[in-house]
Full PDB file with SEQRES, HELIX, SHEET, SSBOND, CRYST1, ORIGX, SCALE, CONECT and MASTER records, all heavy atoms in Angstrom:
SEQRES   1 A   38  ASN ILE ASN PRO LEU ASP PHE SER LYS VAL SER PRO GLU          
SEQRES   2 A   38  LYS SER TYR GLY LEU ASN GLY ASP VAL ASN TYR LYS THR          
SEQRES   3 A   38  THR ILE PHE ASP GLU VAL SER PHE THR ILE ASN GLN              
SHEET    1 AA1 2 ASN A  23  ILE A  28  0                                        
SHEET    2 AA1 2 VAL A  32  ASN A  37 -1                                        
CRYST1    1.000    1.000    1.000  90.00  90.00  90.00 P 1           1          
ORIGX1      1.000000  0.000000  0.000000        0.00000                         
ORIGX2      0.000000  1.000000  0.000000        0.00000                         
ORIGX3      0.000000  0.000000  1.000000        0.00000                         
SCALE1      1.000000  0.000000  0.000000        0.00000                         
SCALE2      0.000000  1.000000  0.000000        0.00000                         
SCALE3      0.000000  0.000000  1.000000        0.00000                         
ATOM      1  N   ASN A   1     110.770 146.776 111.287  1.00  0.00           N  
ATOM      2  CA  ASN A   1     111.758 147.782 111.681  1.00  0.00           C  
ATOM      3  C   ASN A   1     112.722 147.271 112.755  1.00  0.00           C  
ATOM      4  O   ASN A   1     113.148 148.019 113.633  1.00  0.00           O  
ATOM      5  CB  ASN A   1     111.071 149.066 112.171  1.00  0.00           C  
ATOM      6  CG  ASN A   1     110.198 149.700 111.112  1.00  0.00           C  
ATOM      7  OD1 ASN A   1     110.513 149.653 109.924  1.00  0.00           O  
ATOM      8  ND2 ASN A   1     109.071 150.270 111.532  1.00  0.00           N  
ATOM      9  N   ILE A   2     113.078 146.001 112.680  1.00  0.00           N  
ATOM     10  CA  ILE A   2     114.037 145.402 113.607  1.00  0.00           C  
ATOM     11  C   ILE A   2     115.382 145.248 112.889  1.00  0.00           C  
ATOM     12  O   ILE A   2     115.445 144.680 111.797  1.00  0.00           O  
ATOM     13  CB  ILE A   2     113.559 144.020 114.104  1.00  0.00           C  
ATOM     14  CG1 ILE A   2     112.142 144.127 114.697  1.00  0.00           C  
ATOM     15  CG2 ILE A   2     114.537 143.452 115.118  1.00  0.00           C  
ATOM     16  CD1 ILE A   2     112.029 145.015 115.902  1.00  0.00           C  
ATOM     17  N   ASN A   3     116.435 145.762 113.507  1.00  0.00           N  
ATOM     18  CA  ASN A   3     117.765 145.622 112.926  1.00  0.00           C  
ATOM     19  C   ASN A   3     118.314 144.221 113.158  1.00  0.00           C  
ATOM     20  O   ASN A   3     118.004 143.585 114.179  1.00  0.00           O  
ATOM     21  CB  ASN A   3     118.725 146.643 113.534  1.00  0.00           C  
ATOM     22  CG  ASN A   3     118.490 148.041 113.001  1.00  0.00           C  
ATOM     23  OD1 ASN A   3     117.707 148.233 112.063  1.00  0.00           O  
ATOM     24  ND2 ASN A   3     119.160 149.022 113.592  1.00  0.00           N  
ATOM     25  N   PRO A   4     119.160 143.713 112.247  1.00  0.00           N  
ATOM     26  CA  PRO A   4     119.793 142.403 112.464  1.00  0.00           C  
ATOM     27  C   PRO A   4     120.691 142.424 113.700  1.00  0.00           C  
ATOM     28  O   PRO A   4     121.164 143.490 114.133  1.00  0.00           O  
ATOM     29  CB  PRO A   4     120.621 142.194 111.195  1.00  0.00           C  
ATOM     30  CG  PRO A   4     120.052 143.135 110.183  1.00  0.00           C  
ATOM     31  CD  PRO A   4     119.531 144.304 110.951  1.00  0.00           C  
ATOM     32  N   LEU A   5     120.934 141.253 114.259  1.00  0.00           N  
ATOM     33  CA  LEU A   5     121.837 141.140 115.400  1.00  0.00           C  
ATOM     34  C   LEU A   5     123.270 141.410 114.961  1.00  0.00           C  
ATOM     35  O   LEU A   5     123.732 140.870 113.954  1.00  0.00           O  
ATOM     36  CB  LEU A   5     121.751 139.742 116.012  1.00  0.00           C  
ATOM     37  CG  LEU A   5     120.474 139.395 116.783  1.00  0.00           C  
ATOM     38  CD1 LEU A   5     120.461 137.913 117.130  1.00  0.00           C  
ATOM     39  CD2 LEU A   5     120.366 140.234 118.053  1.00  0.00           C  
ATOM     40  N   ASP A   6     123.954 142.218 115.719  1.00  0.00           N  
ATOM     41  CA  ASP A   6     125.381 142.461 115.503  1.00  0.00           C  
ATOM     42  C   ASP A   6     126.129 141.678 116.579  1.00  0.00           C  
ATOM     43  O   ASP A   6     126.270 142.140 117.714  1.00  0.00           O  
ATOM     44  CB  ASP A   6     125.683 143.956 115.599  1.00  0.00           C  
ATOM     45  CG  ASP A   6     127.132 144.275 115.245  1.00  0.00           C  
ATOM     46  OD1 ASP A   6     127.946 143.330 115.174  1.00  0.00           O  
ATOM     47  OD2 ASP A   6     127.437 145.460 115.059  1.00  0.00           O  
ATOM     48  N   PHE A   7     126.598 140.473 116.220  1.00  0.00           N  
ATOM     49  CA  PHE A   7     127.189 139.587 117.220  1.00  0.00           C  
ATOM     50  C   PHE A   7     128.533 140.088 117.739  1.00  0.00           C  
ATOM     51  O   PHE A   7     129.056 139.556 118.710  1.00  0.00           O  
ATOM     52  CB  PHE A   7     127.340 138.173 116.647  1.00  0.00           C  
ATOM     53  CG  PHE A   7     126.035 137.442 116.534  1.00  0.00           C  
ATOM     54  CD1 PHE A   7     125.350 137.392 115.332  1.00  0.00           C  
ATOM     55  CD2 PHE A   7     125.472 136.833 117.647  1.00  0.00           C  
ATOM     56  CE1 PHE A   7     124.139 136.725 115.234  1.00  0.00           C  
ATOM     57  CE2 PHE A   7     124.259 136.167 117.558  1.00  0.00           C  
ATOM     58  CZ  PHE A   7     123.584 136.113 116.346  1.00  0.00           C  
ATOM     59  N   SER A   8     129.079 141.114 117.095  1.00  0.00           N  
ATOM     60  CA  SER A   8     130.301 141.717 117.629  1.00  0.00           C  
ATOM     61  C   SER A   8     129.996 142.670 118.782  1.00  0.00           C  
ATOM     62  O   SER A   8     130.893 143.055 119.536  1.00  0.00           O  
ATOM     63  CB  SER A   8     131.047 142.468 116.525  1.00  0.00           C  
ATOM     64  OG  SER A   8     130.288 143.584 116.061  1.00  0.00           O  
ATOM     65  N   LYS A   9     128.690 143.032 118.922  1.00  0.00           N  
ATOM     66  CA  LYS A   9     128.303 143.980 119.967  1.00  0.00           C  
ATOM     67  C   LYS A   9     127.406 143.373 121.037  1.00  0.00           C  
ATOM     68  O   LYS A   9     127.299 143.920 122.136  1.00  0.00           O  
ATOM     69  CB  LYS A   9     127.599 145.183 119.331  1.00  0.00           C  
ATOM     70  CG  LYS A   9     128.494 146.015 118.412  1.00  0.00           C  
ATOM     71  CD  LYS A   9     127.730 147.200 117.855  1.00  0.00           C  
ATOM     72  CE  LYS A   9     128.618 148.044 116.950  1.00  0.00           C  
ATOM     73  NZ  LYS A   9     127.890 149.209 116.381  1.00  0.00           N  
ATOM     74  N   VAL A  10     126.709 142.277 120.715  1.00  0.00           N  
ATOM     75  CA  VAL A  10     125.829 141.646 121.709  1.00  0.00           C  
ATOM     76  C   VAL A  10     126.469 140.358 122.209  1.00  0.00           C  
ATOM     77  O   VAL A  10     127.190 139.678 121.472  1.00  0.00           O  
ATOM     78  CB  VAL A  10     124.433 141.348 121.121  1.00  0.00           C  
ATOM     79  CG1 VAL A  10     123.744 142.629 120.736  1.00  0.00           C  
ATOM     80  CG2 VAL A  10     124.519 140.403 119.931  1.00  0.00           C  
ATOM     81  N   SER A  11     126.227 140.054 123.440  1.00  0.00           N  
ATOM     82  CA  SER A  11     126.807 138.857 124.055  1.00  0.00           C  
ATOM     83  C   SER A  11     125.707 138.049 124.732  1.00  0.00           C  
ATOM     84  O   SER A  11     124.621 138.571 125.025  1.00  0.00           O  
ATOM     85  CB  SER A  11     127.874 139.247 125.080  1.00  0.00           C  
ATOM     86  OG  SER A  11     127.322 140.090 126.081  1.00  0.00           O  
ATOM     87  N   PRO A  12     125.946 136.767 124.999  1.00  0.00           N  
ATOM     88  CA  PRO A  12     124.935 135.934 125.656  1.00  0.00           C  
ATOM     89  C   PRO A  12     124.563 136.465 127.041  1.00  0.00           C  
ATOM     90  O   PRO A  12     125.377 137.076 127.739  1.00  0.00           O  
ATOM     91  CB  PRO A  12     125.617 134.563 125.753  1.00  0.00           C  
ATOM     92  CG  PRO A  12     126.654 134.578 124.678  1.00  0.00           C  
ATOM     93  CD  PRO A  12     127.135 135.991 124.599  1.00  0.00           C  
ATOM     94  N   GLU A  13     123.319 136.218 127.420  1.00  0.00           N  
ATOM     95  CA  GLU A  13     122.844 136.585 128.751  1.00  0.00           C  
ATOM     96  C   GLU A  13     123.218 135.487 129.746  1.00  0.00           C  
ATOM     97  O   GLU A  13     123.179 134.309 129.422  1.00  0.00           O  
ATOM     98  CB  GLU A  13     121.322 136.772 128.726  1.00  0.00           C  
ATOM     99  CG  GLU A  13     120.854 137.786 127.693  1.00  0.00           C  
ATOM    100  CD  GLU A  13     119.356 137.773 127.487  1.00  0.00           C  
ATOM    101  OE1 GLU A  13     118.634 138.258 128.377  1.00  0.00           O  
ATOM    102  OE2 GLU A  13     118.909 137.262 126.451  1.00  0.00           O  
ATOM    103  N   LYS A  14     123.552 135.879 130.966  1.00  0.00           N  
ATOM    104  CA  LYS A  14     123.934 134.920 132.004  1.00  0.00           C  
ATOM    105  C   LYS A  14     123.033 135.099 133.219  1.00  0.00           C  
ATOM    106  O   LYS A  14     122.629 136.222 133.545  1.00  0.00           O  
ATOM    107  CB  LYS A  14     125.395 135.116 132.395  1.00  0.00           C  
ATOM    108  CG  LYS A  14     126.380 134.880 131.256  1.00  0.00           C  
ATOM    109  CD  LYS A  14     127.812 135.111 131.708  1.00  0.00           C  
ATOM    110  CE  LYS A  14     128.790 134.917 130.551  1.00  0.00           C  
ATOM    111  NZ  LYS A  14     130.193 135.162 130.978  1.00  0.00           N  
ATOM    112  N   SER A  15     122.743 134.004 133.885  1.00  0.00           N  
ATOM    113  CA  SER A  15     121.820 134.061 135.017  1.00  0.00           C  
ATOM    114  C   SER A  15     122.349 133.279 136.210  1.00  0.00           C  
ATOM    115  O   SER A  15     123.177 132.370 136.073  1.00  0.00           O  
ATOM    116  CB  SER A  15     120.447 133.497 134.621  1.00  0.00           C  
ATOM    117  OG  SER A  15     120.511 132.090 134.464  1.00  0.00           O  
ATOM    118  N   TYR A  16     121.826 133.668 137.398  1.00  0.00           N  
ATOM    119  CA  TYR A  16     122.108 132.974 138.652  1.00  0.00           C  
ATOM    120  C   TYR A  16     120.765 132.800 139.351  1.00  0.00           C  
ATOM    121  O   TYR A  16     119.993 133.754 139.459  1.00  0.00           O  
ATOM    122  CB  TYR A  16     123.061 133.778 139.537  1.00  0.00           C  
ATOM    123  CG  TYR A  16     124.301 134.269 138.821  1.00  0.00           C  
ATOM    124  CD1 TYR A  16     124.282 135.463 138.086  1.00  0.00           C  
ATOM    125  CD2 TYR A  16     125.477 133.537 138.854  1.00  0.00           C  
ATOM    126  CE1 TYR A  16     125.410 135.913 137.416  1.00  0.00           C  
ATOM    127  CE2 TYR A  16     126.610 133.982 138.192  1.00  0.00           C  
ATOM    128  CZ  TYR A  16     126.569 135.167 137.481  1.00  0.00           C  
ATOM    129  OH  TYR A  16     127.686 135.592 136.813  1.00  0.00           O  
ATOM    130  N   GLY A  17     120.487 131.613 139.821  1.00  0.00           N  
ATOM    131  CA  GLY A  17     119.183 131.375 140.435  1.00  0.00           C  
ATOM    132  C   GLY A  17     119.250 130.507 141.670  1.00  0.00           C  
ATOM    133  O   GLY A  17     120.102 129.603 141.778  1.00  0.00           O  
ATOM    134  N   LEU A  18     118.360 130.781 142.635  1.00  0.00           N  
ATOM    135  CA  LEU A  18     118.221 129.992 143.856  1.00  0.00           C  
ATOM    136  C   LEU A  18     116.742 129.709 144.076  1.00  0.00           C  
ATOM    137  O   LEU A  18     115.873 130.521 143.741  1.00  0.00           O  
ATOM    138  CB  LEU A  18     118.775 130.747 145.072  1.00  0.00           C  
ATOM    139  CG  LEU A  18     120.268 131.069 145.095  1.00  0.00           C  
ATOM    140  CD1 LEU A  18     120.581 132.003 146.269  1.00  0.00           C  
ATOM    141  CD2 LEU A  18     121.098 129.801 145.201  1.00  0.00           C  
ATOM    142  N   ASN A  19     116.434 128.548 144.631  1.00  0.00           N  
ATOM    143  CA  ASN A  19     115.052 128.254 145.016  1.00  0.00           C  
ATOM    144  C   ASN A  19     115.049 127.244 146.151  1.00  0.00           C  
ATOM    145  O   ASN A  19     116.005 126.472 146.333  1.00  0.00           O  
ATOM    146  CB  ASN A  19     114.240 127.731 143.823  1.00  0.00           C  
ATOM    147  CG  ASN A  19     114.817 126.465 143.240  1.00  0.00           C  
ATOM    148  OD1 ASN A  19     114.696 125.385 143.816  1.00  0.00           O  
ATOM    149  ND2 ASN A  19     115.474 126.580 142.087  1.00  0.00           N  
ATOM    150  N   GLY A  20     113.987 127.266 146.916  1.00  0.00           N  
ATOM    151  CA  GLY A  20     113.834 126.331 148.022  1.00  0.00           C  
ATOM    152  C   GLY A  20     112.373 126.162 148.359  1.00  0.00           C  
ATOM    153  O   GLY A  20     111.542 127.022 148.036  1.00  0.00           O  
ATOM    154  N   ASP A  21     112.036 125.044 148.979  1.00  0.00           N  
ATOM    155  CA  ASP A  21     110.637 124.841 149.350  1.00  0.00           C  
ATOM    156  C   ASP A  21     110.526 123.959 150.583  1.00  0.00           C  
ATOM    157  O   ASP A  21     111.474 123.275 150.982  1.00  0.00           O  
ATOM    158  CB  ASP A  21     109.832 124.248 148.190  1.00  0.00           C  
ATOM    159  CG  ASP A  21     110.035 122.750 148.013  1.00  0.00           C  
ATOM    160  OD1 ASP A  21     111.067 122.231 148.471  1.00  0.00           O  
ATOM    161  OD2 ASP A  21     109.165 122.096 147.421  1.00  0.00           O  
ATOM    162  N   VAL A  22     109.354 124.025 151.200  1.00  0.00           N  
ATOM    163  CA  VAL A  22     108.991 123.165 152.327  1.00  0.00           C  
ATOM    164  C   VAL A  22     107.659 122.526 151.973  1.00  0.00           C  
ATOM    165  O   VAL A  22     106.713 123.217 151.571  1.00  0.00           O  
ATOM    166  CB  VAL A  22     108.881 123.961 153.640  1.00  0.00           C  
ATOM    167  CG1 VAL A  22     108.442 123.040 154.775  1.00  0.00           C  
ATOM    168  CG2 VAL A  22     110.205 124.631 153.982  1.00  0.00           C  
ATOM    169  N   ASN A  23     107.575 121.206 152.114  1.00  0.00           N  
ATOM    170  CA  ASN A  23     106.367 120.476 151.757  1.00  0.00           C  
ATOM    171  C   ASN A  23     105.865 119.692 152.973  1.00  0.00           C  
ATOM    172  O   ASN A  23     106.633 118.943 153.598  1.00  0.00           O  
ATOM    173  CB  ASN A  23     106.659 119.512 150.600  1.00  0.00           C  
ATOM    174  CG  ASN A  23     105.385 118.954 150.005  1.00  0.00           C  
ATOM    175  OD1 ASN A  23     104.657 119.640 149.310  1.00  0.00           O  
ATOM    176  ND2 ASN A  23     105.113 117.695 150.279  1.00  0.00           N  
ATOM    177  N   TYR A  24     104.591 119.881 153.306  1.00  0.00           N  
ATOM    178  CA  TYR A  24     104.013 119.210 154.479  1.00  0.00           C  
ATOM    179  C   TYR A  24     102.686 118.576 154.097  1.00  0.00           C  
ATOM    180  O   TYR A  24     101.864 119.183 153.402  1.00  0.00           O  
ATOM    181  CB  TYR A  24     103.791 120.214 155.605  1.00  0.00           C  
ATOM    182  CG  TYR A  24     103.149 119.623 156.845  1.00  0.00           C  
ATOM    183  CD1 TYR A  24     103.860 118.771 157.691  1.00  0.00           C  
ATOM    184  CD2 TYR A  24     101.824 119.905 157.163  1.00  0.00           C  
ATOM    185  CE1 TYR A  24     103.280 118.221 158.825  1.00  0.00           C  
ATOM    186  CE2 TYR A  24     101.228 119.371 158.296  1.00  0.00           C  
ATOM    187  CZ  TYR A  24     101.961 118.528 159.123  1.00  0.00           C  
ATOM    188  OH  TYR A  24     101.374 117.981 160.242  1.00  0.00           O  
ATOM    189  N   LYS A  25     102.469 117.344 154.545  1.00  0.00           N  
ATOM    190  CA  LYS A  25     101.210 116.662 154.278  1.00  0.00           C  
ATOM    191  C   LYS A  25     100.757 115.916 155.528  1.00  0.00           C  
ATOM    192  O   LYS A  25     101.568 115.371 156.279  1.00  0.00           O  
ATOM    193  CB  LYS A  25     101.344 115.685 153.111  1.00  0.00           C  
ATOM    194  CG  LYS A  25     102.359 114.574 153.330  1.00  0.00           C  
ATOM    195  CD  LYS A  25     102.439 113.650 152.127  1.00  0.00           C  
ATOM    196  CE  LYS A  25     103.423 112.495 152.382  1.00  0.00           C  
ATOM    197  NZ  LYS A  25     103.501 111.585 151.232  1.00  0.00           N  
ATOM    198  N   THR A  26      99.454 115.901 155.736  1.00  0.00           N  
ATOM    199  CA  THR A  26      98.914 115.216 156.907  1.00  0.00           C  
ATOM    200  C   THR A  26      97.435 114.931 156.673  1.00  0.00           C  
ATOM    201  O   THR A  26      96.875 115.263 155.625  1.00  0.00           O  
ATOM    202  CB  THR A  26      99.089 116.076 158.171  1.00  0.00           C  
ATOM    203  OG1 THR A  26      98.746 115.312 159.326  1.00  0.00           O  
ATOM    204  CG2 THR A  26      98.209 117.314 158.122  1.00  0.00           C  
ATOM    205  N   THR A  27      96.799 114.317 157.657  1.00  0.00           N  
ATOM    206  CA  THR A  27      95.357 114.084 157.647  1.00  0.00           C  
ATOM    207  C   THR A  27      94.735 114.813 158.819  1.00  0.00           C  
ATOM    208  O   THR A  27      95.197 114.670 159.960  1.00  0.00           O  
ATOM    209  CB  THR A  27      95.034 112.582 157.740  1.00  0.00           C  
ATOM    210  OG1 THR A  27      95.642 111.905 156.642  1.00  0.00           O  
ATOM    211  CG2 THR A  27      93.540 112.348 157.691  1.00  0.00           C  
ATOM    212  N   ILE A  28      93.714 115.619 158.545  1.00  0.00           N  
ATOM    213  CA  ILE A  28      93.030 116.381 159.584  1.00  0.00           C  
ATOM    214  C   ILE A  28      91.734 115.679 159.950  1.00  0.00           C  
ATOM    215  O   ILE A  28      90.963 115.309 159.068  1.00  0.00           O  
ATOM    216  CB  ILE A  28      92.746 117.818 159.088  1.00  0.00           C  
ATOM    217  CG1 ILE A  28      94.035 118.488 158.616  1.00  0.00           C  
ATOM    218  CG2 ILE A  28      92.099 118.647 160.186  1.00  0.00           C  
ATOM    219  CD1 ILE A  28      93.801 119.844 157.967  1.00  0.00           C  
ATOM    220  N   PHE A  29      91.508 115.493 161.223  1.00  0.00           N  
ATOM    221  CA  PHE A  29      90.284 114.867 161.734  1.00  0.00           C  
ATOM    222  C   PHE A  29      90.064 113.467 161.145  1.00  0.00           C  
ATOM    223  O   PHE A  29      88.918 113.018 161.037  1.00  0.00           O  
ATOM    224  CB  PHE A  29      89.051 115.741 161.441  1.00  0.00           C  
ATOM    225  CG  PHE A  29      89.206 117.167 161.856  1.00  0.00           C  
ATOM    226  CD1 PHE A  29      89.098 118.188 160.929  1.00  0.00           C  
ATOM    227  CD2 PHE A  29      89.472 117.497 163.184  1.00  0.00           C  
ATOM    228  CE1 PHE A  29      89.238 119.509 161.300  1.00  0.00           C  
ATOM    229  CE2 PHE A  29      89.614 118.822 163.559  1.00  0.00           C  
ATOM    230  CZ  PHE A  29      89.498 119.829 162.624  1.00  0.00           C  
ATOM    231  N   ASP A  30      91.143 112.801 160.779  1.00  0.00           N  
ATOM    232  CA  ASP A  30      91.072 111.456 160.199  1.00  0.00           C  
ATOM    233  C   ASP A  30      90.205 111.401 158.947  1.00  0.00           C  
ATOM    234  O   ASP A  30      89.798 110.336 158.497  1.00  0.00           O  
ATOM    235  CB  ASP A  30      90.534 110.435 161.220  1.00  0.00           C  
ATOM    236  CG  ASP A  30      91.504 110.215 162.363  1.00  0.00           C  
ATOM    237  OD1 ASP A  30      92.725 110.258 162.114  1.00  0.00           O  
ATOM    238  OD2 ASP A  30      91.031 110.018 163.491  1.00  0.00           O  
ATOM    239  N   GLU A  31      89.901 112.541 158.355  1.00  0.00           N  
ATOM    240  CA  GLU A  31      88.982 112.584 157.221  1.00  0.00           C  
ATOM    241  C   GLU A  31      89.522 113.402 156.053  1.00  0.00           C  
ATOM    242  O   GLU A  31      89.296 113.062 154.895  1.00  0.00           O  
ATOM    243  CB  GLU A  31      87.632 113.188 157.660  1.00  0.00           C  
ATOM    244  CG  GLU A  31      86.832 112.329 158.623  1.00  0.00           C  
ATOM    245  CD  GLU A  31      86.144 111.195 157.915  1.00  0.00           C  
ATOM    246  OE1 GLU A  31      85.935 111.284 156.703  1.00  0.00           O  
ATOM    247  OE2 GLU A  31      85.804 110.200 158.577  1.00  0.00           O  
ATOM    248  N   VAL A  32      90.226 114.481 156.349  1.00  0.00           N  
ATOM    249  CA  VAL A  32      90.623 115.452 155.335  1.00  0.00           C  
ATOM    250  C   VAL A  32      92.125 115.360 155.083  1.00  0.00           C  
ATOM    251  O   VAL A  32      92.927 115.515 156.005  1.00  0.00           O  
ATOM    252  CB  VAL A  32      90.260 116.883 155.769  1.00  0.00           C  
ATOM    253  CG1 VAL A  32      90.647 117.881 154.678  1.00  0.00           C  
ATOM    254  CG2 VAL A  32      88.776 116.987 156.087  1.00  0.00           C  
ATOM    255  N   SER A  33      92.506 115.077 153.842  1.00  0.00           N  
ATOM    256  CA  SER A  33      93.919 115.104 153.493  1.00  0.00           C  
ATOM    257  C   SER A  33      94.325 116.548 153.217  1.00  0.00           C  
ATOM    258  O   SER A  33      93.613 117.292 152.543  1.00  0.00           O  
ATOM    259  CB  SER A  33      94.192 114.232 152.268  1.00  0.00           C  
ATOM    260  OG  SER A  33      93.561 114.752 151.121  1.00  0.00           O  
ATOM    261  N   PHE A  34      95.466 116.942 153.749  1.00  0.00           N  
ATOM    262  CA  PHE A  34      95.931 118.324 153.686  1.00  0.00           C  
ATOM    263  C   PHE A  34      97.380 118.345 153.247  1.00  0.00           C  
ATOM    264  O   PHE A  34      98.229 117.647 153.814  1.00  0.00           O  
ATOM    265  CB  PHE A  34      95.779 118.992 155.053  1.00  0.00           C  
ATOM    266  CG  PHE A  34      96.419 120.360 155.148  1.00  0.00           C  
ATOM    267  CD1 PHE A  34      95.750 121.475 154.675  1.00  0.00           C  
ATOM    268  CD2 PHE A  34      97.678 120.521 155.708  1.00  0.00           C  
ATOM    269  CE1 PHE A  34      96.327 122.733 154.759  1.00  0.00           C  
ATOM    270  CE2 PHE A  34      98.262 121.772 155.801  1.00  0.00           C  
ATOM    271  CZ  PHE A  34      97.583 122.887 155.327  1.00  0.00           C  
ATOM    272  N   THR A  35      97.674 119.135 152.203  1.00  0.00           N  
ATOM    273  CA  THR A  35      99.040 119.286 151.706  1.00  0.00           C  
ATOM    274  C   THR A  35      99.311 120.756 151.475  1.00  0.00           C  
ATOM    275  O   THR A  35      98.479 121.468 150.912  1.00  0.00           O  
ATOM    276  CB  THR A  35      99.241 118.529 150.381  1.00  0.00           C  
ATOM    277  OG1 THR A  35      98.945 117.155 150.565  1.00  0.00           O  
ATOM    278  CG2 THR A  35     100.688 118.645 149.906  1.00  0.00           C  
ATOM    279  N   ILE A  36     100.487 121.212 151.925  1.00  0.00           N  
ATOM    280  CA  ILE A  36     100.892 122.586 151.670  1.00  0.00           C  
ATOM    281  C   ILE A  36     102.335 122.593 151.207  1.00  0.00           C  
ATOM    282  O   ILE A  36     103.178 121.867 151.736  1.00  0.00           O  
ATOM    283  CB  ILE A  36     100.711 123.485 152.917  1.00  0.00           C  
ATOM    284  CG1 ILE A  36     101.105 124.936 152.572  1.00  0.00           C  
ATOM    285  CG2 ILE A  36     101.483 122.955 154.114  1.00  0.00           C  
ATOM    286  CD1 ILE A  36     100.738 125.936 153.650  1.00  0.00           C  
ATOM    287  N   ASN A  37     102.596 123.387 150.180  1.00  0.00           N  
ATOM    288  CA  ASN A  37     103.955 123.564 149.682  1.00  0.00           C  
ATOM    289  C   ASN A  37     104.261 125.057 149.649  1.00  0.00           C  
ATOM    290  O   ASN A  37     103.520 125.834 149.054  1.00  0.00           O  
ATOM    291  CB  ASN A  37     104.118 122.966 148.285  1.00  0.00           C  
ATOM    292  CG  ASN A  37     105.511 123.177 147.725  1.00  0.00           C  
ATOM    293  OD1 ASN A  37     105.784 124.170 147.074  1.00  0.00           O  
ATOM    294  ND2 ASN A  37     106.396 122.231 147.980  1.00  0.00           N  
ATOM    295  N   GLN A  38     105.341 125.435 150.317  1.00  0.00           N  
ATOM    296  CA  GLN A  38     105.780 126.823 150.340  1.00  0.00           C  
ATOM    297  C   GLN A  38     107.123 126.916 149.635  1.00  0.00           C  
ATOM    298  O   GLN A  38     108.104 126.311 150.060  1.00  0.00           O  
ATOM    299  CB  GLN A  38     105.902 127.331 151.775  1.00  0.00           C  
ATOM    300  CG  GLN A  38     106.315 128.783 151.887  1.00  0.00           C  
ATOM    301  CD  GLN A  38     105.265 129.727 151.325  1.00  0.00           C  
ATOM    302  OE1 GLN A  38     104.105 129.703 151.743  1.00  0.00           O  
ATOM    303  NE2 GLN A  38     105.653 130.554 150.368  1.00  0.00           N  
TER     304      GLN A  38                                                      
MASTER        0    0    0    0    2    0    0    6  303    1    0    3          
END                                                                             
């Protein structure tokens, strides 16, 4: 029960996107490797 696309009435979708991150790595107590990414 899906109708065919009517390309005279539907148009392409458009998007805008942003992203960012912070990455930190170190060694704790000279024994434990620790990495965090936000």
